[in-house]
Amino acid sequence: MRVKREYRDREQTEVAVLDALVDRAEDGMTVFELRAAVEVDIDDLESALSTLKTDDLIVVDLEGSDTLIKPADRVVPDEPTDPNDEQTIADWLRERLPF
């Protein structure tokens, strides 16, 4: 599942983190699981998580000895997205042109 469209115009790592979290919204993910899912440098992941936390787009949940990161409810789409949903031309242009 992908994060809501209004949150897709963020930095690429942030969007990748949100997408990974939305896929496991109920369970949440540890930092190690996120790093494996997003496949970025730990410094980039730390920066993205910090920005997302500051913007209240993620929730950090301490469960026992585990720290789980979950997406904020407003980030999770109401209905599942179609896995065949292709990238729009606007999305493609946004990624390639410096706006």
PDB file of N, CA and C in Angstrom:
ATOM      1  N   MET A   1       0.856  -1.169   0.000  1.00  0.00           N
ATOM      2  CA  MET A   1       0.000   0.000   0.000  1.00  0.00           C
ATOM      3  C   MET A   1       0.903   1.234   0.000  1.00  0.00           C
ATOM      4  N   ARG A   2       0.437   2.264  -0.603  1.00  0.00           N
ATOM      5  CA  ARG A   2       1.221   3.503  -0.667  1.00  0.00           C
ATOM      6  C   ARG A   2       0.583   4.565   0.218  1.00  0.00           C
ATOM      7  N   VAL A   3       1.412   5.475   0.680  1.00  0.00           N
ATOM      8  CA  VAL A   3       0.967   6.576   1.520  1.00  0.00           C
ATOM      9  C   VAL A   3       0.018   7.476   0.712  1.00  0.00           C
ATOM     10  N   LYS A   4      -0.839   8.218   1.400  1.00  0.00           N
ATOM     11  CA  LYS A   4      -1.762   9.120   0.708  1.00  0.00           C
ATOM     12  C   LYS A   4      -1.013  10.072  -0.219  1.00  0.00           C
ATOM     13  N   ARG A   5      -1.649  10.436  -1.303  1.00  0.00           N
ATOM     14  CA  ARG A   5      -1.035  11.277  -2.336  1.00  0.00           C
ATOM     15  C   ARG A   5      -0.527  12.608  -1.785  1.00  0.00           C
ATOM     16  N   GLU A   6      -1.210  13.204  -0.838  1.00  0.00           N
ATOM     17  CA  GLU A   6      -0.785  14.515  -0.335  1.00  0.00           C
ATOM     18  C   GLU A   6       0.543  14.462   0.432  1.00  0.00           C
ATOM     19  N   TYR A   7       1.009  13.252   0.762  1.00  0.00           N
ATOM     20  CA  TYR A   7       2.284  13.112   1.455  1.00  0.00           C
ATOM     21  C   TYR A   7       3.392  12.583   0.544  1.00  0.00           C
ATOM     22  N   ARG A   8       3.138  12.477  -0.730  1.00  0.00           N
ATOM     23  CA  ARG A   8       4.104  11.917  -1.668  1.00  0.00           C
ATOM     24  C   ARG A   8       5.079  12.951  -2.230  1.00  0.00           C
ATOM     25  N   ASP A   9       4.873  14.240  -1.933  1.00  0.00           N
ATOM     26  CA  ASP A   9       5.760  15.268  -2.470  1.00  0.00           C
ATOM     27  C   ASP A   9       6.897  15.619  -1.495  1.00  0.00           C
ATOM     28  N   ARG A  10       7.241  14.677  -0.648  1.00  0.00           N
ATOM     29  CA  ARG A  10       8.325  14.857   0.309  1.00  0.00           C
ATOM     30  C   ARG A  10       9.614  14.277  -0.267  1.00  0.00           C
ATOM     31  N   GLU A  11      10.694  14.374   0.480  1.00  0.00           N
ATOM     32  CA  GLU A  11      11.977  13.820   0.070  1.00  0.00           C
ATOM     33  C   GLU A  11      11.827  12.311  -0.150  1.00  0.00           C
ATOM     34  N   GLN A  12      12.569  11.758  -1.086  1.00  0.00           N
ATOM     35  CA  GLN A  12      12.411  10.371  -1.530  1.00  0.00           C
ATOM     36  C   GLN A  12      12.522   9.366  -0.378  1.00  0.00           C
ATOM     37  N   THR A  13      13.476   9.555   0.513  1.00  0.00           N
ATOM     38  CA  THR A  13      13.641   8.636   1.637  1.00  0.00           C
ATOM     39  C   THR A  13      12.442   8.703   2.571  1.00  0.00           C
ATOM     40  N   GLU A  14      11.918   9.888   2.799  1.00  0.00           N
ATOM     41  CA  GLU A  14      10.750  10.048   3.665  1.00  0.00           C
ATOM     42  C   GLU A  14       9.548   9.322   3.087  1.00  0.00           C
ATOM     43  N   VAL A  15       9.334   9.437   1.781  1.00  0.00           N
ATOM     44  CA  VAL A  15       8.217   8.753   1.133  1.00  0.00           C
ATOM     45  C   VAL A  15       8.402   7.241   1.214  1.00  0.00           C
ATOM     46  N   ALA A  16       9.628   6.770   1.025  1.00  0.00           N
ATOM     47  CA  ALA A  16       9.906   5.338   1.108  1.00  0.00           C
ATOM     48  C   ALA A  16       9.633   4.813   2.518  1.00  0.00           C
ATOM     49  N   VAL A  17      10.015   5.587   3.530  1.00  0.00           N
ATOM     50  CA  VAL A  17       9.748   5.201   4.917  1.00  0.00           C
ATOM     51  C   VAL A  17       8.244   5.155   5.168  1.00  0.00           C
ATOM     52  N   LEU A  18       7.524   6.180   4.738  1.00  0.00           N
ATOM     53  CA  LEU A  18       6.070   6.200   4.934  1.00  0.00           C
ATOM     54  C   LEU A  18       5.390   5.041   4.213  1.00  0.00           C
ATOM     55  N   ASP A  19       5.821   4.744   2.985  1.00  0.00           N
ATOM     56  CA  ASP A  19       5.250   3.614   2.247  1.00  0.00           C
ATOM     57  C   ASP A  19       5.471   2.300   2.996  1.00  0.00           C
ATOM     58  N   ALA A  20       6.683   2.104   3.497  1.00  0.00           N
ATOM     59  CA  ALA A  20       6.986   0.876   4.239  1.00  0.00           C
ATOM     60  C   ALA A  20       6.140   0.783   5.508  1.00  0.00           C
ATOM     61  N   LEU A  21       5.981   1.900   6.202  1.00  0.00           N
ATOM     62  CA  LEU A  21       5.186   1.905   7.429  1.00  0.00           C
ATOM     63  C   LEU A  21       3.709   1.683   7.156  1.00  0.00           C
ATOM     64  N   VAL A  22       3.206   2.240   6.073  1.00  0.00           N
ATOM     65  CA  VAL A  22       1.790   2.062   5.731  1.00  0.00           C
ATOM     66  C   VAL A  22       1.504   0.590   5.443  1.00  0.00           C
ATOM     67  N   ASP A  23       2.485  -0.098   4.833  1.00  0.00           N
ATOM     68  CA  ASP A  23       2.314  -1.531   4.566  1.00  0.00           C
ATOM     69  C   ASP A  23       2.160  -2.336   5.850  1.00  0.00           C
ATOM     70  N   ARG A  24       2.749  -1.864   6.926  1.00  0.00           N
ATOM     71  CA  ARG A  24       2.678  -2.573   8.207  1.00  0.00           C
ATOM     72  C   ARG A  24       2.119  -1.647   9.285  1.00  0.00           C
ATOM     73  N   ALA A  25       1.059  -0.955   8.954  1.00  0.00           N
ATOM     74  CA  ALA A  25       0.492   0.070   9.836  1.00  0.00           C
ATOM     75  C   ALA A  25       0.069  -0.488  11.192  1.00  0.00           C
ATOM     76  N   GLU A  26      -0.498  -1.663  11.224  1.00  0.00           N
ATOM     77  CA  GLU A  26      -0.986  -2.234  12.483  1.00  0.00           C
ATOM     78  C   GLU A  26       0.157  -2.702  13.377  1.00  0.00           C
ATOM     79  N   ASP A  27       1.170  -3.334  12.779  1.00  0.00           N
ATOM     80  CA  ASP A  27       2.258  -3.917  13.554  1.00  0.00           C
ATOM     81  C   ASP A  27       3.364  -2.936  13.868  1.00  0.00           C
ATOM     82  N   GLY A  28       3.607  -1.992  12.967  1.00  0.00           N
ATOM     83  CA  GLY A  28       4.730  -1.088  13.114  1.00  0.00           C
ATOM     84  C   GLY A  28       6.024  -1.772  12.701  1.00  0.00           C
ATOM     85  N   MET A  29       7.101  -1.032  12.707  1.00  0.00           N
ATOM     86  CA  MET A  29       8.399  -1.569  12.311  1.00  0.00           C
ATOM     87  C   MET A  29       9.477  -1.026  13.236  1.00  0.00           C
ATOM     88  N   THR A  30      10.517  -1.834  13.427  1.00  0.00           N
ATOM     89  CA  THR A  30      11.674  -1.359  14.166  1.00  0.00           C
ATOM     90  C   THR A  30      12.566  -0.579  13.199  1.00  0.00           C
ATOM     91  N   VAL A  31      13.552   0.104  13.730  1.00  0.00           N
ATOM     92  CA  VAL A  31      14.488   0.845  12.880  1.00  0.00           C
ATOM     93  C   VAL A  31      15.230  -0.120  11.955  1.00  0.00           C
ATOM     94  N   PHE A  32      15.576  -1.299  12.461  1.00  0.00           N
ATOM     95  CA  PHE A  32      16.287  -2.271  11.641  1.00  0.00           C
ATOM     96  C   PHE A  32      15.416  -2.774  10.488  1.00  0.00           C
ATOM     97  N   GLU A  33      14.135  -3.026  10.773  1.00  0.00           N
ATOM     98  CA  GLU A  33      13.219  -3.459   9.716  1.00  0.00           C
ATOM     99  C   GLU A  33      13.047  -2.358   8.680  1.00  0.00           C
ATOM    100  N   LEU A  34      12.946  -1.120   9.153  1.00  0.00           N
ATOM    101  CA  LEU A  34      12.822   0.004   8.217  1.00  0.00           C
ATOM    102  C   LEU A  34      14.061   0.141   7.351  1.00  0.00           C
ATOM    103  N   ARG A  35      15.205  -0.006   7.959  1.00  0.00           N
ATOM    104  CA  ARG A  35      16.447   0.128   7.185  1.00  0.00           C
ATOM    105  C   ARG A  35      16.523  -0.944   6.104  1.00  0.00           C
ATOM    106  N   ALA A  36      16.100  -2.155   6.411  1.00  0.00           N
ATOM    107  CA  ALA A  36      16.101  -3.232   5.425  1.00  0.00           C
ATOM    108  C   ALA A  36      15.064  -2.983   4.334  1.00  0.00           C
ATOM    109  N   ALA A  37      13.911  -2.458   4.708  1.00  0.00           N
ATOM    110  CA  ALA A  37      12.838  -2.224   3.742  1.00  0.00           C
ATOM    111  C   ALA A  37      13.139  -1.059   2.816  1.00  0.00           C
ATOM    112  N   VAL A  38      13.738  -0.013   3.348  1.00  0.00           N
ATOM    113  CA  VAL A  38      13.980   1.207   2.575  1.00  0.00           C
ATOM    114  C   VAL A  38      15.327   1.169   1.858  1.00  0.00           C
ATOM    115  N   GLU A  39      16.271   0.419   2.412  1.00  0.00           N
ATOM    116  CA  GLU A  39      17.602   0.251   1.820  1.00  0.00           C
ATOM    117  C   GLU A  39      18.328   1.578   1.603  1.00  0.00           C
ATOM    118  N   VAL A  40      18.443   2.340   2.686  1.00  0.00           N
ATOM    119  CA  VAL A  40      19.197   3.597   2.649  1.00  0.00           C
ATOM    120  C   VAL A  40      20.238   3.576   3.758  1.00  0.00           C
ATOM    121  N   ASP A  41      21.150   4.503   3.684  1.00  0.00           N
ATOM    122  CA  ASP A  41      22.172   4.680   4.702  1.00  0.00           C
ATOM    123  C   ASP A  41      21.498   5.036   6.027  1.00  0.00           C
ATOM    124  N   ILE A  42      22.062   4.583   7.120  1.00  0.00           N
ATOM    125  CA  ILE A  42      21.476   4.831   8.436  1.00  0.00           C
ATOM    126  C   ILE A  42      21.342   6.323   8.736  1.00  0.00           C
ATOM    127  N   ASP A  43      22.283   7.127   8.260  1.00  0.00           N
ATOM    128  CA  ASP A  43      22.203   8.572   8.486  1.00  0.00           C
ATOM    129  C   ASP A  43      21.014   9.176   7.737  1.00  0.00           C
ATOM    130  N   ASP A  44      20.779   8.714   6.513  1.00  0.00           N
ATOM    131  CA  ASP A  44      19.628   9.191   5.746  1.00  0.00           C
ATOM    132  C   ASP A  44      18.319   8.766   6.405  1.00  0.00           C
ATOM    133  N   LEU A  45      18.301   7.530   6.916  1.00  0.00           N
ATOM    134  CA  LEU A  45      17.109   7.034   7.599  1.00  0.00           C
ATOM    135  C   LEU A  45      16.845   7.831   8.868  1.00  0.00           C
ATOM    136  N   GLU A  46      17.887   8.096   9.623  1.00  0.00           N
ATOM    137  CA  GLU A  46      17.750   8.880  10.856  1.00  0.00           C
ATOM    138  C   GLU A  46      17.218  10.280  10.560  1.00  0.00           C
ATOM    139  N   SER A  47      17.733  10.897   9.520  1.00  0.00           N
ATOM    140  CA  SER A  47      17.271  12.230   9.130  1.00  0.00           C
ATOM    141  C   SER A  47      15.805  12.203   8.712  1.00  0.00           C
ATOM    142  N   ALA A  48      15.425  11.203   7.916  1.00  0.00           N
ATOM    143  CA  ALA A  48      14.038  11.085   7.468  1.00  0.00           C
ATOM    144  C   ALA A  48      13.098  10.850   8.650  1.00  0.00           C
ATOM    145  N   LEU A  49      13.486   9.972   9.558  1.00  0.00           N
ATOM    146  CA  LEU A  49      12.651   9.705  10.729  1.00  0.00           C
ATOM    147  C   LEU A  49      12.500  10.939  11.607  1.00  0.00           C
ATOM    148  N   SER A  50      13.563  11.687  11.756  1.00  0.00           N
ATOM    149  CA  SER A  50      13.517  12.908  12.550  1.00  0.00           C
ATOM    150  C   SER A  50      12.545  13.914  11.938  1.00  0.00           C
ATOM    151  N   THR A  51      12.629  14.095  10.629  1.00  0.00           N
ATOM    152  CA  THR A  51      11.736  15.037   9.943  1.00  0.00           C
ATOM    153  C   THR A  51      10.288  14.573  10.033  1.00  0.00           C
ATOM    154  N   LEU A  52      10.057  13.283   9.817  1.00  0.00           N
ATOM    155  CA  LEU A  52       8.690  12.749   9.878  1.00  0.00           C
ATOM    156  C   LEU A  52       8.114  12.866  11.281  1.00  0.00           C
ATOM    157  N   LYS A  53       8.935  12.658  12.300  1.00  0.00           N
ATOM    158  CA  LYS A  53       8.478  12.791  13.686  1.00  0.00           C
ATOM    159  C   LYS A  53       8.147  14.243  14.000  1.00  0.00           C
ATOM    160  N   THR A  54       8.990  15.161  13.551  1.00  0.00           N
ATOM    161  CA  THR A  54       8.754  16.591  13.766  1.00  0.00           C
ATOM    162  C   THR A  54       7.449  17.035  13.108  1.00  0.00           C
ATOM    163  N   ASP A  55       7.152  16.477  11.932  1.00  0.00           N
ATOM    164  CA  ASP A  55       5.935  16.823  11.198  1.00  0.00           C
ATOM    165  C   ASP A  55       4.726  16.000  11.642  1.00  0.00           C
ATOM    166  N   ASP A  56       4.871  15.206  12.698  1.00  0.00           N
ATOM    167  CA  ASP A  56       3.796  14.367  13.250  1.00  0.00           C
ATOM    168  C   ASP A  56       3.210  13.402  12.222  1.00  0.00           C
ATOM    169  N   LEU A  57       4.074  12.827  11.390  1.00  0.00           N
ATOM    170  CA  LEU A  57       3.620  11.856  10.396  1.00  0.00           C
ATOM    171  C   LEU A  57       3.914  10.420  10.826  1.00  0.00           C
ATOM    172  N   ILE A  58       4.685  10.260  11.894  1.00  0.00           N
ATOM    173  CA  ILE A  58       4.935   8.940  12.456  1.00  0.00           C
ATOM    174  C   ILE A  58       4.728   8.992  13.959  1.00  0.00           C
ATOM    175  N   VAL A  59       4.502   7.806  14.532  1.00  0.00           N
ATOM    176  CA  VAL A  59       4.303   7.663  15.967  1.00  0.00           C
ATOM    177  C   VAL A  59       5.309   6.636  16.462  1.00  0.00           C
ATOM    178  N   VAL A  60       6.023   6.953  17.531  1.00  0.00           N
ATOM    179  CA  VAL A  60       6.976   6.021  18.125  1.00  0.00           C
ATOM    180  C   VAL A  60       6.298   5.380  19.323  1.00  0.00           C
ATOM    181  N   ASP A  61       6.213   4.045  19.286  1.00  0.00           N
ATOM    182  CA  ASP A  61       5.495   3.282  20.296  1.00  0.00           C
ATOM    183  C   ASP A  61       6.481   2.381  21.030  1.00  0.00           C
ATOM    184  N   LEU A  62       6.612   2.569  22.324  1.00  0.00           N
ATOM    185  CA  LEU A  62       7.507   1.739  23.138  1.00  0.00           C
ATOM    186  C   LEU A  62       6.700   0.577  23.694  1.00  0.00           C
ATOM    187  N   GLU A  63       6.979  -0.622  23.188  1.00  0.00           N
ATOM    188  CA  GLU A  63       6.300  -1.827  23.657  1.00  0.00           C
ATOM    189  C   GLU A  63       7.327  -2.746  24.287  1.00  0.00           C
ATOM    190  N   GLY A  64       7.362  -2.784  25.598  1.00  0.00           N
ATOM    191  CA  GLY A  64       8.354  -3.604  26.283  1.00  0.00           C
ATOM    192  C   GLY A  64       9.751  -3.119  25.965  1.00  0.00           C
ATOM    193  N   SER A  65      10.559  -4.021  25.432  1.00  0.00           N
ATOM    194  CA  SER A  65      11.929  -3.645  25.088  1.00  0.00           C
ATOM    195  C   SER A  65      12.046  -3.225  23.625  1.00  0.00           C
ATOM    196  N   ASP A  66      10.954  -3.314  22.872  1.00  0.00           N
ATOM    197  CA  ASP A  66      10.965  -2.941  21.453  1.00  0.00           C
ATOM    198  C   ASP A  66      10.453  -1.524  21.250  1.00  0.00           C
ATOM    199  N   THR A  67      11.072  -0.830  20.331  1.00  0.00           N
ATOM    200  CA  THR A  67      10.602   0.476  19.904  1.00  0.00           C
ATOM    201  C   THR A  67      10.053   0.314  18.502  1.00  0.00           C
ATOM    202  N   LEU A  68       8.743   0.508  18.360  1.00  0.00           N
ATOM    203  CA  LEU A  68       8.094   0.353  17.065  1.00  0.00           C
ATOM    204  C   LEU A  68       7.703   1.710  16.505  1.00  0.00           C
ATOM    205  N   ILE A  69       7.885   1.862  15.232  1.00  0.00           N
ATOM    206  CA  ILE A  69       7.523   3.097  14.545  1.00  0.00           C
ATOM    207  C   ILE A  69       6.311   2.786  13.681  1.00  0.00           C
ATOM    208  N   LYS A  70       5.279   3.597  13.820  1.00  0.00           N
ATOM    209  CA  LYS A  70       4.035   3.401  13.072  1.00  0.00           C
ATOM    210  C   LYS A  70       3.682   4.699  12.355  1.00  0.00           C
ATOM    211  N   PRO A  71       2.929   4.599  11.266  1.00  0.00           N
ATOM    212  CA  PRO A  71       2.506   5.821  10.584  1.00  0.00           C
ATOM    213  C   PRO A  71       1.369   6.486  11.361  1.00  0.00           C
ATOM    214  N   ALA A  72       1.293   7.791  11.295  1.00  0.00           N
ATOM    215  CA  ALA A  72       0.157   8.505  11.883  1.00  0.00           C
ATOM    216  C   ALA A  72      -1.098   8.118  11.106  1.00  0.00           C
ATOM    217  N   ASP A  73      -2.232   8.113  11.767  1.00  0.00           N
ATOM    218  CA  ASP A  73      -3.489   7.690  11.131  1.00  0.00           C
ATOM    219  C   ASP A  73      -3.807   8.502   9.877  1.00  0.00           C
ATOM    220  N   ARG A  74      -3.473   9.778   9.878  1.00  0.00           N
ATOM    221  CA  ARG A  74      -3.816  10.630   8.739  1.00  0.00           C
ATOM    222  C   ARG A  74      -3.009  10.305   7.491  1.00  0.00           C
ATOM    223  N   VAL A  75      -1.927   9.540   7.624  1.00  0.00           N
ATOM    224  CA  VAL A  75      -1.065   9.189   6.504  1.00  0.00           C
ATOM    225  C   VAL A  75      -1.574   7.929   5.785  1.00  0.00           C
ATOM    226  N   VAL A  76      -2.261   7.065   6.515  1.00  0.00           N
ATOM    227  CA  VAL A  76      -2.728   5.789   5.967  1.00  0.00           C
ATOM    228  C   VAL A  76      -3.968   6.022   5.109  1.00  0.00           C
ATOM    229  N   PRO A  77      -3.953   5.520   3.859  1.00  0.00           N
ATOM    230  CA  PRO A  77      -5.123   5.699   2.985  1.00  0.00           C
ATOM    231  C   PRO A  77      -6.341   4.962   3.539  1.00  0.00           C
ATOM    232  N   ASP A  78      -7.522   5.498   3.250  1.00  0.00           N
ATOM    233  CA  ASP A  78      -8.762   4.893   3.715  1.00  0.00           C
ATOM    234  C   ASP A  78      -9.045   3.566   3.034  1.00  0.00           C
ATOM    235  N   GLU A  79      -8.691   3.478   1.759  1.00  0.00           N
ATOM    236  CA  GLU A  79      -8.898   2.245   1.017  1.00  0.00           C
ATOM    237  C   GLU A  79      -7.583   1.814   0.387  1.00  0.00           C
ATOM    238  N   PRO A  80      -7.400   0.515   0.260  1.00  0.00           N
ATOM    239  CA  PRO A  80      -6.143   0.039  -0.326  1.00  0.00           C
ATOM    240  C   PRO A  80      -5.972   0.536  -1.759  1.00  0.00           C
ATOM    241  N   THR A  81      -4.723   0.784  -2.114  1.00  0.00           N
ATOM    242  CA  THR A  81      -4.440   1.222  -3.479  1.00  0.00           C
ATOM    243  C   THR A  81      -4.280   0.008  -4.378  1.00  0.00           C
ATOM    244  N   ASP A  82      -4.544   0.212  -5.638  1.00  0.00           N
ATOM    245  CA  ASP A  82      -4.391  -0.835  -6.629  1.00  0.00           C
ATOM    246  C   ASP A  82      -2.905  -1.090  -6.850  1.00  0.00           C
ATOM    247  N   PRO A  83      -2.449  -2.351  -6.732  1.00  0.00           N
ATOM    248  CA  PRO A  83      -1.023  -2.611  -6.938  1.00  0.00           C
ATOM    249  C   PRO A  83      -0.559  -2.306  -8.353  1.00  0.00           C
ATOM    250  N   ASN A  84      -1.492  -2.231  -9.280  1.00  0.00           N
ATOM    251  CA  ASN A  84      -1.153  -1.900 -10.668  1.00  0.00           C
ATOM    252  C   ASN A  84      -1.195  -0.396 -10.922  1.00  0.00           C
ATOM    253  N   ASP A  85      -1.430   0.373  -9.847  1.00  0.00           N
ATOM    254  CA  ASP A  85      -1.494   1.831  -9.967  1.00  0.00           C
ATOM    255  C   ASP A  85      -0.142   2.357 -10.410  1.00  0.00           C
ATOM    256  N   GLU A  86      -0.100   2.925 -11.579  1.00  0.00           N
ATOM    257  CA  GLU A  86       1.143   3.425 -12.137  1.00  0.00           C
ATOM    258  C   GLU A  86       1.406   4.848 -11.672  1.00  0.00           C
ATOM    259  N   GLN A  87       2.646   5.251 -11.770  1.00  0.00           N
ATOM    260  CA  GLN A  87       3.048   6.601 -11.428  1.00  0.00           C
ATOM    261  C   GLN A  87       2.459   7.566 -12.460  1.00  0.00           C
ATOM    262  N   THR A  88       1.902   8.671 -11.982  1.00  0.00           N
ATOM    263  CA  THR A  88       1.327   9.649 -12.899  1.00  0.00           C
ATOM    264  C   THR A  88       2.433  10.478 -13.534  1.00  0.00           C
ATOM    265  N   ILE A  89       2.092  11.162 -14.592  1.00  0.00           N
ATOM    266  CA  ILE A  89       3.060  12.030 -15.266  1.00  0.00           C
ATOM    267  C   ILE A  89       3.518  13.137 -14.316  1.00  0.00           C
ATOM    268  N   ALA A  90       2.593  13.659 -13.532  1.00  0.00           N
ATOM    269  CA  ALA A  90       2.943  14.712 -12.574  1.00  0.00           C
ATOM    270  C   ALA A  90       3.951  14.195 -11.544  1.00  0.00           C
ATOM    271  N   ASP A  91       3.756  12.954 -11.064  1.00  0.00           N
ATOM    272  CA  ASP A  91       4.708  12.365 -10.125  1.00  0.00           C
ATOM    273  C   ASP A  91       6.079  12.207 -10.773  1.00  0.00           C
ATOM    274  N   TRP A  92       6.091  11.740 -12.007  1.00  0.00           N
ATOM    275  CA  TRP A  92       7.340  11.536 -12.731  1.00  0.00           C
ATOM    276  C   TRP A  92       8.087  12.865 -12.901  1.00  0.00           C
ATOM    277  N   LEU A  93       7.356  13.913 -13.302  1.00  0.00           N
ATOM    278  CA  LEU A  93       7.969  15.226 -13.481  1.00  0.00           C
ATOM    279  C   LEU A  93       8.478  15.785 -12.156  1.00  0.00           C
ATOM    280  N   ARG A  94       7.708  15.613 -11.089  1.00  0.00           N
ATOM    281  CA  ARG A  94       8.068  16.126  -9.768  1.00  0.00           C
ATOM    282  C   ARG A  94       9.390  15.509  -9.299  1.00  0.00           C
ATOM    283  N   GLU A  95       9.589  14.218  -9.591  1.00  0.00           N
ATOM    284  CA  GLU A  95      10.825  13.556  -9.181  1.00  0.00           C
ATOM    285  C   GLU A  95      12.041  14.038  -9.967  1.00  0.00           C
ATOM    286  N   ARG A  96      11.826  14.439 -11.206  1.00  0.00           N
ATOM    287  CA  ARG A  96      12.962  14.743 -12.079  1.00  0.00           C
ATOM    288  C   ARG A  96      13.279  16.223 -12.243  1.00  0.00           C
ATOM    289  N   LEU A  97      12.331  17.086 -11.987  1.00  0.00           N
ATOM    290  CA  LEU A  97      12.563  18.505 -12.167  1.00  0.00           C
ATOM    291  C   LEU A  97      12.669  19.194 -10.800  1.00  0.00           C
ATOM    292  N   PRO A  98      13.610  20.091 -10.647  1.00  0.00           N
ATOM    293  CA  PRO A  98      13.794  20.774  -9.363  1.00  0.00           C
ATOM    294  C   PRO A  98      12.760  21.894  -9.153  1.00  0.00           C
ATOM    295  N   PHE A  99      11.716  21.596  -8.430  1.00  0.00           N
ATOM    296  CA  PHE A  99      10.698  22.606  -8.150  1.00  0.00           C
ATOM    297  C   PHE A  99      10.934  23.202  -6.797  1.00  0.00           C
TER     298      PHE A  99
END
